[in-house]
Protein backbone atom coordinates (compact mmCIF):
# COMPACT_ATOMS: atom_id res chain seq x y z
CA MET A 1 -110.08 -47.13 -123.04
CA LYS A 2 -107.54 -50.29 -124.05
CA LYS A 3 -108.94 -51.93 -126.83
CA GLN A 4 -108.71 -55.68 -126.63
CA LEU A 5 -105.85 -57.37 -127.83
CA ASN A 6 -107.04 -60.39 -130.39
CA SER A 7 -106.51 -64.00 -128.57
CA LYS A 8 -104.40 -65.36 -131.27
CA THR A 9 -101.85 -62.48 -130.77
CA GLN A 10 -102.40 -62.19 -126.95
CA LYS A 11 -99.93 -63.32 -124.79
CA LYS A 12 -100.39 -66.55 -123.36
CA LEU A 13 -99.97 -67.76 -119.53
CA LYS A 14 -97.11 -70.50 -120.06
CA VAL A 15 -98.22 -73.13 -117.48
CA PHE A 16 -96.48 -75.83 -116.18
CA GLU A 17 -98.27 -79.28 -115.06
CA ALA A 18 -96.30 -80.81 -111.68
CA PHE A 19 -98.52 -84.03 -110.74
CA ALA A 20 -100.38 -83.48 -113.67
CA GLY A 21 -103.01 -86.61 -112.94
CA ILE A 22 -105.34 -85.66 -115.86
CA GLY A 23 -104.92 -82.08 -116.28
CA ALA A 24 -107.84 -80.57 -113.48
CA GLN A 25 -105.94 -77.68 -114.18
CA HIS A 26 -105.59 -77.25 -117.78
CA SER A 27 -109.60 -77.77 -117.62
CA ALA A 28 -109.77 -74.43 -115.10
CA LEU A 29 -107.32 -72.68 -117.06
CA LYS A 30 -109.97 -73.29 -120.39
CA ARG A 31 -113.27 -72.40 -117.96
CA ALA A 32 -111.83 -69.15 -117.16
CA ASN A 33 -110.91 -68.17 -120.57
CA ILE A 34 -107.70 -67.61 -120.02
CA ASN A 35 -105.51 -66.99 -123.17
CA PHE A 36 -102.95 -69.98 -122.38
CA LYS A 37 -100.12 -72.74 -122.89
CA ILE A 38 -99.23 -76.26 -121.38
CA VAL A 39 -95.74 -75.85 -121.95
CA GLY A 40 -94.90 -79.37 -120.18
CA ILE A 41 -96.26 -81.49 -117.74
CA SER A 42 -94.64 -84.69 -114.87
CA GLU A 43 -96.85 -87.32 -115.04
CA TRP A 44 -95.30 -91.03 -114.31
CA PHE A 45 -98.84 -92.46 -113.79
CA ILE A 46 -99.63 -93.98 -117.53
CA ASN A 47 -103.63 -94.23 -116.91
CA ALA A 48 -103.28 -90.68 -116.68
CA LEU A 49 -100.90 -89.56 -119.41
CA LEU A 50 -103.66 -91.91 -121.19
CA VAL A 51 -106.70 -89.81 -120.04
CA TYR A 52 -105.50 -86.48 -119.86
CA ASN A 53 -104.46 -87.23 -123.49
CA ALA A 54 -108.11 -88.62 -124.25
CA ILE A 55 -109.30 -85.02 -122.72
CA HIS A 56 -106.79 -82.56 -123.54
CA ASN A 57 -105.13 -83.66 -126.92
CA ASP A 58 -107.84 -85.71 -129.11
CA HIS A 59 -107.71 -82.62 -131.55
CA ILE A 60 -103.77 -83.43 -132.08
CA LYS A 61 -103.36 -85.99 -134.80
CA ASP A 62 -100.05 -85.30 -136.36
CA VAL A 63 -97.80 -86.95 -134.41
CA VAL A 64 -95.67 -89.36 -136.10
CA ILE A 65 -95.24 -92.58 -134.79
CA PRO A 66 -91.68 -94.47 -135.80
CA SER A 67 -90.90 -98.05 -135.32
CA TYR A 68 -91.49 -99.94 -132.83
CA GLU A 69 -88.23 -100.26 -131.95
CA GLU A 70 -87.78 -95.95 -131.52
CA GLN A 71 -90.79 -96.18 -129.67
CA ILE A 72 -89.29 -98.27 -127.19
CA GLU A 73 -86.14 -96.26 -127.33
CA GLU A 74 -87.76 -93.38 -126.73
CA LEU A 75 -89.77 -94.66 -123.74
CA LYS A 76 -86.98 -96.12 -122.42
CA LYS A 77 -86.01 -92.26 -121.24
CA TYR A 78 -88.37 -92.18 -119.08
CA THR A 79 -90.01 -94.16 -115.81
CA PHE A 80 -93.48 -95.16 -115.71
CA SER A 81 -95.30 -96.93 -113.69
CA ARG A 82 -98.87 -99.13 -114.03
CA ASP A 83 -100.15 -98.57 -110.44
CA SER A 84 -98.86 -94.78 -109.34
CA VAL A 85 -96.51 -96.89 -106.98
CA HIS A 86 -93.73 -98.81 -108.30
CA PRO A 87 -91.66 -98.24 -111.64
CA ILE A 88 -91.74 -100.05 -114.49
CA LYS A 89 -88.80 -102.24 -114.63
CA ASP A 90 -89.09 -103.43 -118.74
CA ILE A 91 -91.29 -101.05 -120.60
CA LYS A 92 -91.09 -104.07 -123.47
CA LYS A 93 -93.06 -106.03 -121.16
CA LEU A 94 -95.85 -103.41 -122.21
CA SER A 95 -98.42 -104.76 -125.29
CA ARG A 96 -97.68 -103.26 -128.88
CA ASN A 97 -100.92 -101.03 -128.48
CA GLU A 98 -99.50 -100.04 -124.98
CA ILE A 99 -95.92 -98.95 -126.00
CA GLU A 100 -98.09 -96.84 -128.94
CA ASN A 101 -100.45 -95.42 -126.88
CA LEU A 102 -98.25 -94.85 -124.42
CA TYR A 103 -96.03 -93.26 -126.84
CA VAL A 104 -98.50 -90.77 -128.55
CA ALA A 105 -100.08 -89.90 -125.60
CA ASN A 106 -96.20 -88.71 -123.89
CA LYS A 107 -95.17 -86.45 -126.69
CA ASN A 108 -99.39 -85.32 -127.38
CA ASN A 109 -99.25 -84.46 -123.76
CA LYS A 110 -95.81 -82.99 -123.73
CA ASN A 111 -94.78 -84.80 -120.22
CA PHE A 112 -91.12 -84.36 -118.72
CA GLY A 113 -90.99 -87.53 -117.27
CA SER A 114 -91.53 -88.23 -113.13
CA ILE A 115 -90.47 -85.50 -111.23
CA THR A 116 -87.05 -86.64 -109.97
CA GLU A 117 -85.77 -87.17 -113.23
CA ILE A 118 -86.77 -83.42 -114.48
CA LYS A 119 -83.83 -80.99 -114.83
CA GLY A 120 -84.71 -77.10 -114.40
CA LYS A 121 -82.24 -76.37 -117.56
CA ASP A 122 -84.27 -78.38 -119.43
CA LEU A 123 -88.04 -76.95 -118.43
CA PRO A 124 -89.08 -74.24 -120.80
CA GLU A 125 -89.93 -70.66 -119.87
CA ILE A 126 -92.79 -71.15 -117.32
CA ASP A 127 -94.69 -68.69 -115.88
CA LEU A 128 -97.07 -70.66 -113.73
CA PHE A 129 -95.60 -73.84 -111.77
CA VAL A 130 -98.69 -75.96 -110.47
CA TYR A 131 -97.70 -78.87 -107.76
CA SER A 132 -100.36 -81.04 -106.46
CA PHE A 133 -97.89 -83.54 -105.03
CA PRO A 134 -99.38 -86.73 -103.55
CA CYS A 135 -101.25 -86.51 -100.57
CA GLN A 136 -100.84 -90.14 -99.36
CA ASP A 137 -98.52 -89.25 -96.18
CA LEU A 138 -100.67 -86.78 -95.41
CA SER A 139 -103.92 -87.58 -95.43
CA THR A 140 -105.87 -89.11 -92.71
CA GLY A 141 -106.67 -92.11 -95.19
CA GLY A 142 -102.97 -93.18 -95.34
CA ASN A 143 -100.27 -93.40 -92.90
CA THR A 144 -99.11 -90.17 -92.37
CA LEU A 145 -96.08 -91.24 -92.79
CA GLY A 146 -95.22 -86.58 -93.55
CA MET A 147 -93.75 -84.91 -96.44
CA SER A 148 -90.02 -84.20 -94.08
CA LYS A 149 -87.45 -83.32 -96.57
CA GLY A 150 -85.21 -86.95 -97.40
CA SER A 151 -87.77 -89.18 -95.81
CA GLY A 152 -88.71 -90.88 -99.45
CA THR A 153 -92.48 -91.10 -98.57
CA ARG A 154 -94.44 -89.65 -101.54
CA SER A 155 -95.21 -86.38 -100.04
CA GLY A 156 -91.83 -86.10 -99.71
CA LEU A 157 -91.14 -85.74 -103.20
CA LEU A 158 -92.62 -81.90 -102.91
CA TRP A 159 -88.51 -81.03 -102.02
CA GLU A 160 -87.85 -82.57 -105.24
CA VAL A 161 -90.20 -78.82 -106.58
CA GLU A 162 -87.47 -77.28 -103.68
CA ARG A 163 -84.67 -78.43 -106.42
CA ILE A 164 -86.13 -78.06 -109.90
CA LEU A 165 -86.99 -74.48 -108.51
CA LEU A 166 -83.23 -73.74 -107.55
CA GLU A 167 -82.09 -74.93 -110.59
CA LEU A 168 -84.50 -72.37 -112.32
CA LYS A 169 -83.29 -69.50 -109.89
CA ALA A 170 -79.46 -70.26 -111.07
CA ILE A 171 -80.84 -69.73 -114.68
CA ASN A 172 -82.83 -66.85 -114.30
CA LYS A 173 -85.98 -68.49 -115.24
CA LEU A 174 -88.32 -68.57 -111.90
CA PRO A 175 -91.99 -68.72 -112.74
CA GLU A 176 -93.69 -66.08 -111.47
CA TYR A 177 -96.69 -67.98 -109.71
CA LEU A 178 -96.78 -71.14 -108.15
CA LEU A 179 -99.68 -73.24 -106.76
CA MET A 180 -99.68 -75.63 -104.43
CA GLU A 181 -102.98 -77.85 -103.99
CA ASN A 182 -103.20 -80.80 -101.51
CA VAL A 183 -105.93 -82.20 -98.81
CA LYS A 184 -106.20 -80.12 -95.70
CA THR A 185 -104.19 -82.07 -93.41
CA ILE A 186 -101.07 -80.24 -95.10
CA TYR A 187 -101.82 -77.93 -92.29
CA ALA A 188 -101.58 -80.33 -89.05
CA LYS A 189 -99.50 -80.10 -86.49
CA SER A 190 -98.00 -83.03 -87.51
CA ASN A 191 -97.05 -81.38 -90.76
CA LYS A 192 -96.30 -78.20 -89.60
CA LYS A 193 -92.81 -78.18 -89.05
CA ASP A 194 -92.39 -79.79 -92.72
CA LEU A 195 -94.90 -76.79 -94.60
CA ASP A 196 -92.94 -73.87 -92.36
CA GLN A 197 -89.71 -75.17 -93.99
CA TRP A 198 -91.38 -75.18 -97.24
CA LEU A 199 -92.41 -71.48 -97.13
CA THR A 200 -89.34 -70.39 -95.75
CA PHE A 201 -87.69 -71.50 -98.38
CA LEU A 202 -89.74 -69.97 -101.18
CA GLU A 203 -89.06 -66.68 -99.14
CA SER A 204 -85.91 -67.29 -99.37
CA ILE A 205 -85.25 -67.52 -102.93
CA GLY A 206 -87.89 -64.09 -103.93
CA TYR A 207 -91.61 -65.26 -103.59
CA LYS A 208 -94.22 -64.02 -100.91
CA ASN A 209 -96.63 -66.91 -100.14
CA GLY A 210 -100.13 -65.94 -99.43
CA SER A 211 -102.66 -67.36 -97.25
CA LYS A 212 -103.07 -71.21 -96.18
CA MET A 213 -106.79 -71.07 -97.78
CA ILE A 214 -108.70 -74.00 -96.95
CA LEU A 215 -111.11 -74.19 -99.98
CA ASP A 216 -114.78 -76.38 -99.78
CA SER A 217 -116.40 -77.03 -103.73
CA ILE A 218 -119.27 -77.08 -101.85
CA ASP A 219 -118.84 -73.27 -101.59
CA PHE A 220 -118.22 -73.29 -105.21
CA GLY A 221 -121.72 -74.08 -106.17
CA VAL A 222 -120.99 -77.70 -106.19
CA PRO A 223 -122.60 -80.20 -104.30
CA GLN A 224 -119.39 -82.11 -103.04
CA VAL A 225 -118.01 -81.67 -99.41
CA ARG A 226 -114.22 -81.60 -100.52
CA LYS A 227 -111.66 -79.21 -98.39
CA ARG A 228 -108.40 -78.67 -99.62
CA ALA A 229 -105.50 -76.90 -99.36
CA PHE A 230 -104.41 -74.03 -101.76
CA ILE A 231 -101.58 -72.14 -101.30
CA ILE A 232 -101.07 -68.90 -104.27
CA SER A 233 -96.95 -67.74 -104.10
CA HIS A 234 -96.23 -64.76 -106.25
CA LEU A 235 -92.20 -63.12 -106.91
CA ASN A 236 -91.94 -60.43 -104.97
CA THR A 237 -95.92 -59.57 -104.59
CA THR A 238 -98.60 -61.03 -102.37
CA ILE A 239 -101.59 -61.97 -104.56
CA ASP A 240 -104.65 -60.60 -102.77
CA ASP A 241 -106.37 -64.20 -102.23
CA THR A 242 -109.41 -62.95 -99.97
CA SER A 243 -112.23 -63.10 -102.33
CA LEU A 244 -111.74 -66.76 -102.40
CA ILE A 245 -111.68 -67.62 -98.64
CA ASN A 246 -114.66 -65.28 -98.71
CA TYR A 247 -116.38 -67.08 -101.95
CA SER A 248 -119.94 -67.94 -101.93
CA ALA A 249 -121.95 -69.39 -104.71
CA PRO A 250 -125.26 -70.54 -104.82
CA LEU A 251 -125.38 -74.83 -104.61
CA LYS A 252 -126.32 -76.56 -107.71
CA PRO A 253 -128.76 -79.14 -107.49
CA LEU A 254 -127.30 -82.42 -107.09
CA GLN A 255 -129.59 -83.60 -109.50
CA ASP A 256 -128.38 -82.21 -111.68
CA PHE A 257 -125.24 -84.31 -111.83
CA LEU A 258 -126.46 -87.32 -111.63
CA ARG A 259 -127.36 -89.67 -114.68
CA THR A 260 -130.92 -91.87 -113.70
CA ASP A 261 -132.88 -92.29 -116.90
CA TYR A 262 -132.23 -96.34 -116.97
CA ASN A 263 -134.19 -96.19 -120.11
CA ASN A 264 -131.06 -95.17 -121.47
CA GLU A 265 -129.06 -97.88 -122.19
CA GLU A 266 -125.11 -96.30 -121.76
CA LEU A 267 -126.49 -94.63 -118.36
CA ARG A 268 -127.62 -98.21 -117.35
CA GLU A 269 -125.20 -100.24 -117.94
CA GLU A 270 -122.47 -97.09 -116.06
CA ALA A 271 -125.24 -97.90 -112.97
CA ASN A 272 -124.57 -101.94 -113.25
CA GLU A 273 -121.01 -101.45 -112.94
CA ALA A 274 -121.66 -99.19 -109.95
CA GLN A 275 -123.94 -101.89 -108.19
CA LEU A 276 -123.02 -103.54 -105.29
CA ASN A 277 -124.13 -106.43 -103.99
CA ARG A 278 -126.22 -106.77 -100.00
CA THR A 279 -123.43 -108.11 -97.90
CA ASP A 280 -123.14 -107.00 -94.26
CA SER A 281 -120.85 -104.08 -94.88
CA ARG A 282 -122.41 -102.76 -97.61
CA GLN A 283 -125.62 -102.81 -95.57
CA THR A 284 -123.38 -100.82 -93.13
CA MET A 285 -122.01 -98.84 -95.91
CA TRP A 286 -125.53 -97.41 -96.52
CA LYS A 287 -126.52 -96.72 -93.13
CA ILE A 288 -123.61 -94.29 -92.86
CA ASN A 289 -123.91 -92.94 -97.11
CA ARG A 290 -127.22 -92.90 -97.66
CA ARG A 291 -128.66 -90.74 -100.05
CA ASP A 292 -132.65 -89.54 -100.50
CA VAL A 293 -132.10 -85.77 -103.47
CA ASP A 294 -133.49 -83.45 -102.42
CA HIS A 295 -132.61 -79.48 -103.70
CA SER A 296 -130.42 -79.46 -100.65
CA THR A 297 -128.50 -82.81 -100.94
CA SER A 298 -124.86 -82.86 -100.87
CA ILE A 299 -122.01 -85.84 -101.13
CA ASN A 300 -119.12 -86.72 -99.03
CA THR A 301 -115.65 -86.24 -100.69
CA ILE A 302 -114.86 -88.32 -103.50
CA THR A 303 -112.19 -90.60 -102.47
CA CYS A 304 -110.28 -92.80 -104.67
CA ASN A 305 -112.02 -96.03 -104.01
CA MET A 306 -115.07 -95.26 -103.50
CA ASP A 307 -115.80 -99.08 -102.31
CA ARG A 308 -115.14 -98.67 -98.88
CA SER A 309 -116.98 -98.05 -95.56
CA ASN A 310 -116.96 -94.11 -96.04
CA THR A 311 -117.85 -93.36 -99.49
CA ALA A 312 -119.23 -90.35 -101.67
CA ALA A 313 -122.83 -91.84 -101.56
CA MET A 314 -124.77 -94.89 -102.14
CA PHE A 315 -128.26 -94.46 -104.01
CA LYS A 316 -131.08 -97.13 -103.81
CA TYR A 317 -130.42 -99.05 -107.25
CA ASP A 318 -132.60 -102.51 -108.99
CA GLY A 319 -129.95 -103.69 -111.62
CA PRO A 320 -128.62 -107.30 -112.62
CA LYS A 321 -127.29 -107.63 -108.95
CA GLY A 322 -131.25 -107.20 -107.28
CA ASN A 323 -132.46 -104.49 -105.33
CA THR A 324 -129.72 -102.88 -103.73
CA TYR A 325 -127.87 -100.16 -104.42
CA ARG A 326 -124.94 -98.24 -106.05
CA LEU A 327 -121.94 -95.81 -105.70
CA LEU A 328 -121.63 -93.07 -107.86
CA THR A 329 -121.14 -93.59 -111.60
CA MET A 330 -117.99 -92.64 -113.55
CA ARG A 331 -119.57 -90.31 -115.46
CA GLU A 332 -121.08 -88.63 -112.07
CA ALA A 333 -118.25 -88.90 -110.34
CA PHE A 334 -116.54 -86.77 -113.49
CA LEU A 335 -119.55 -84.59 -113.84
CA LEU A 336 -118.99 -83.59 -109.10
CA MET A 337 -115.35 -83.07 -110.13
CA GLY A 338 -116.17 -80.41 -112.44
CA PHE A 339 -115.00 -81.99 -115.79
CA THR A 340 -117.61 -81.73 -118.97
CA GLU A 341 -120.02 -84.55 -119.80
CA LYS A 342 -118.02 -84.31 -123.75
CA GLU A 343 -114.60 -84.30 -120.96
CA TYR A 344 -115.87 -87.72 -119.79
CA ARG A 345 -116.68 -89.24 -123.03
CA LYS A 346 -113.30 -88.37 -124.92
CA THR A 347 -111.66 -90.94 -122.09
CA GLN A 348 -114.41 -93.94 -123.00
CA ARG A 349 -112.52 -94.97 -125.61
CA LEU A 350 -109.75 -96.26 -123.76
CA ARG A 351 -111.98 -98.62 -121.43
CA LEU A 352 -110.94 -98.66 -117.90
CA SER A 353 -112.57 -99.89 -115.34
CA TYR A 354 -114.22 -98.75 -112.97
CA ARG A 355 -111.66 -98.50 -110.30
CA LYS A 356 -109.06 -97.60 -112.83
CA MET A 357 -111.01 -94.53 -113.57
CA ASN A 358 -111.75 -93.75 -109.66
CA LYS A 359 -108.61 -93.90 -108.88
CA LEU A 360 -108.00 -91.13 -111.25
CA ILE A 361 -110.79 -89.09 -110.19
CA GLY A 362 -110.83 -89.46 -107.37
CA ASN A 363 -106.88 -87.95 -107.14
CA SER A 364 -107.95 -84.52 -108.88
CA ILE A 365 -108.97 -81.71 -108.11
CA VAL A 366 -112.52 -79.76 -108.43
CA VAL A 367 -112.24 -77.42 -111.90
CA ASP A 368 -114.53 -75.35 -110.47
CA VAL A 369 -112.13 -74.00 -107.70
CA LEU A 370 -109.69 -73.77 -110.04
CA THR A 371 -111.24 -72.03 -112.28
CA GLU A 372 -112.21 -69.22 -109.49
CA ILE A 373 -108.22 -69.22 -108.29
CA PHE A 374 -107.15 -68.58 -112.35
CA SER A 375 -109.98 -65.85 -113.18
CA LEU A 376 -108.45 -63.95 -109.94
CA LEU A 377 -105.36 -64.65 -111.06
CA PHE A 378 -105.19 -63.67 -114.56
CA LYS A 379 -108.08 -62.61 -116.51
CA GLU A 380 -107.03 -59.11 -116.53
CA LYS A 381 -103.26 -60.23 -117.98
CA TYR A 382 -104.74 -63.04 -119.61
CA GLY A 383 -107.93 -63.08 -119.95
CA LYS A 384 -109.54 -63.78 -123.67
CA GLY A 385 -112.86 -61.02 -122.66
CA GLU A 386 -116.07 -62.35 -123.90
């Protein structure tokens, strides 16, 4: 019987998170008890970088903060965005405090910047490359502009990954594993040509692609109906992903995720923030999305804007706007996306608004699903053991 290696001496899985968001992959690797190291991320959305840093790097205290002028010169090497859509033209328009916070987060996160500006030769050695590229142009909630190569759409940023992989192949540094995540409509007929082109490209450089999986978080025990597409690619050999496709876990009660102790001042303030006015449009929303919670209740998909006709869930609530209803609080949304109370609390010091946090969590990935994927792929080779 092989002796379990000490986690400090065991070989670490080297991970690069492209389109990193707030780092659901990072959280899942911890949850799966994998011995790993994030060697870099790619992200340009400032709020995502700040929250990623708060959740995953709050223990890092040794970043040397240079002068304001030096911070500016460093940050000018990257392209950042305030809204995840438009680039900031002049970084100096941010306040000094924003500049310093962004500088620290960028350093702590090992951020290589926008995917369009990354060069393969500059990347470290990578074992796992995860890419959850923008879904807006694939989603039925978006403009369905597609992801064709050269289209210039946000979903078309997939082809920047092609460029980077070709550059890595040229220097014999291809990652052993790739993991794609996106909305299930990536498998729609309208996207078939582009997806087939992508998978054919991966095969041409040596990868074997697994199943075109659609995994629903409700099958992983989370009371949220959230179907997402995943494809595992592995150099030279195909990974057997049958266990993921057939995965079934007992459904956790929705009550475990809701925070309704309104005698707790903090929780009541969060509920107040999620409360809606009683308008005709919200009345219509209530008829569609009302939830009477019992042991089998689940919610709809958490999106990046929950104040819309089809939202994740609505609950009766008597607050400062009277006896109306509320949406999920951000704490509840984080929990239903698989993040922990501790991880959520780390984000609170940033004091981001409900809407800003909603955009971040709605674009994330359910940690529980990723945890099972990473357990399948890496537990034997990189698992820390009990």
